Amino acid sequence: MKYVYILESLDLAHHYIGIADDLRGRLSKHNAGEVPHTSKYRPWRIKTYIAFDDAKRAFAFERYLKSGSGRAFAKKRL
């Protein structure tokens, strides 16, 4: 399974969109400061995640969420 996830910093001002095979393990890495892009805004919590059994569709959905219309969709619906 591939998980597309949206993280929310506990200050509620920052969000991060990513993809992982092991969602809990990836969250641990974000909160431990092992991911340079997210280390400044930790701690993080999972706001939303979606599981995909097809990696190609998961990567396409992650790419969409990182686009302008995808961010608007996530803000309104997720």
Protein backbone atom coordinates (compact mmCIF):
# COMPACT_ATOMS: atom_id res chain seq x y z
CA MET A 1 0.00 0.00 0.00
CA LYS A 2 1.03 3.57 -0.67
CA TYR A 3 -0.26 6.31 1.59
CA VAL A 4 -0.69 9.90 0.45
CA TYR A 5 -0.83 12.03 3.56
CA ILE A 6 -1.28 15.59 4.72
CA LEU A 7 0.54 16.61 7.86
CA GLU A 8 -0.42 19.58 9.98
CA SER A 9 1.98 21.27 12.37
CA LEU A 10 0.65 21.63 15.88
CA ASP A 11 0.78 25.41 15.49
CA LEU A 12 -1.82 24.85 12.70
CA ALA A 13 0.02 27.27 10.41
CA HIS A 14 1.89 24.76 8.22
CA HIS A 15 0.93 21.74 6.14
CA TYR A 16 2.97 19.14 4.29
CA ILE A 17 1.89 16.67 1.61
CA GLY A 18 3.82 13.45 1.14
CA ILE A 19 3.71 9.79 0.20
CA ALA A 20 4.97 6.74 2.11
CA ASP A 21 4.78 2.97 2.43
CA ASP A 22 4.91 3.09 6.25
CA LEU A 23 2.81 6.01 7.45
CA ARG A 24 3.63 5.75 11.16
CA GLY A 25 7.32 5.37 10.47
CA ARG A 26 7.31 8.38 8.16
CA LEU A 27 5.50 10.51 10.76
CA SER A 28 8.15 9.50 13.30
CA LYS A 29 10.87 10.68 10.92
CA HIS A 30 9.13 14.02 10.41
CA ASN A 31 8.78 14.53 14.17
CA ALA A 32 12.38 13.45 14.85
CA GLY A 33 13.68 16.16 12.51
CA GLU A 34 15.06 13.69 9.96
CA VAL A 35 13.23 15.38 7.07
CA PRO A 36 14.92 18.73 6.34
CA HIS A 37 11.84 20.35 4.79
CA THR A 38 9.64 19.72 7.84
CA SER A 39 12.12 19.90 10.72
CA LYS A 40 11.51 23.61 11.41
CA TYR A 41 7.79 23.22 12.05
CA ARG A 42 7.57 20.10 14.18
CA PRO A 43 5.80 18.50 15.91
CA TRP A 44 3.44 17.23 13.22
CA ARG A 45 0.23 15.24 13.27
CA ILE A 46 -1.56 13.44 10.49
CA LYS A 47 -4.49 15.50 9.27
CA THR A 48 -5.60 13.16 6.46
CA TYR A 49 -4.32 10.12 4.64
CA ILE A 50 -5.56 8.04 1.73
CA ALA A 51 -4.39 4.49 1.02
CA PHE A 52 -3.77 3.33 -2.55
CA ASP A 53 -3.06 -0.20 -3.75
CA ASP A 54 -1.73 1.20 -7.04
CA ALA A 55 1.53 3.16 -6.69
CA LYS A 56 1.02 5.00 -9.99
CA ARG A 57 -2.32 6.40 -8.84
CA ALA A 58 -0.84 7.33 -5.45
CA PHE A 59 1.97 9.34 -7.05
CA ALA A 60 -0.51 11.02 -9.39
CA PHE A 61 -2.76 12.01 -6.48
CA GLU A 62 0.18 13.36 -4.48
CA ARG A 63 1.28 15.42 -7.49
CA TYR A 64 -2.29 16.74 -7.83
CA LEU A 65 -2.48 17.72 -4.14
CA LYS A 66 0.73 19.71 -4.55
CA SER A 67 -0.75 21.71 -7.43
CA GLY A 68 -2.74 24.89 -6.97
CA SER A 69 -6.11 23.28 -7.61
CA GLY A 70 -5.14 20.29 -5.45
CA ARG A 71 -4.27 22.55 -2.52
CA ALA A 72 -7.64 24.29 -2.89
CA PHE A 73 -9.36 20.89 -2.99
CA ALA A 74 -7.53 19.72 0.14
CA LYS A 75 -8.25 22.92 2.03
CA LYS A 76 -11.96 22.74 1.24
CA ARG A 77 -12.59 18.98 1.41
CA LEU A 78 -9.89 17.31 3.47
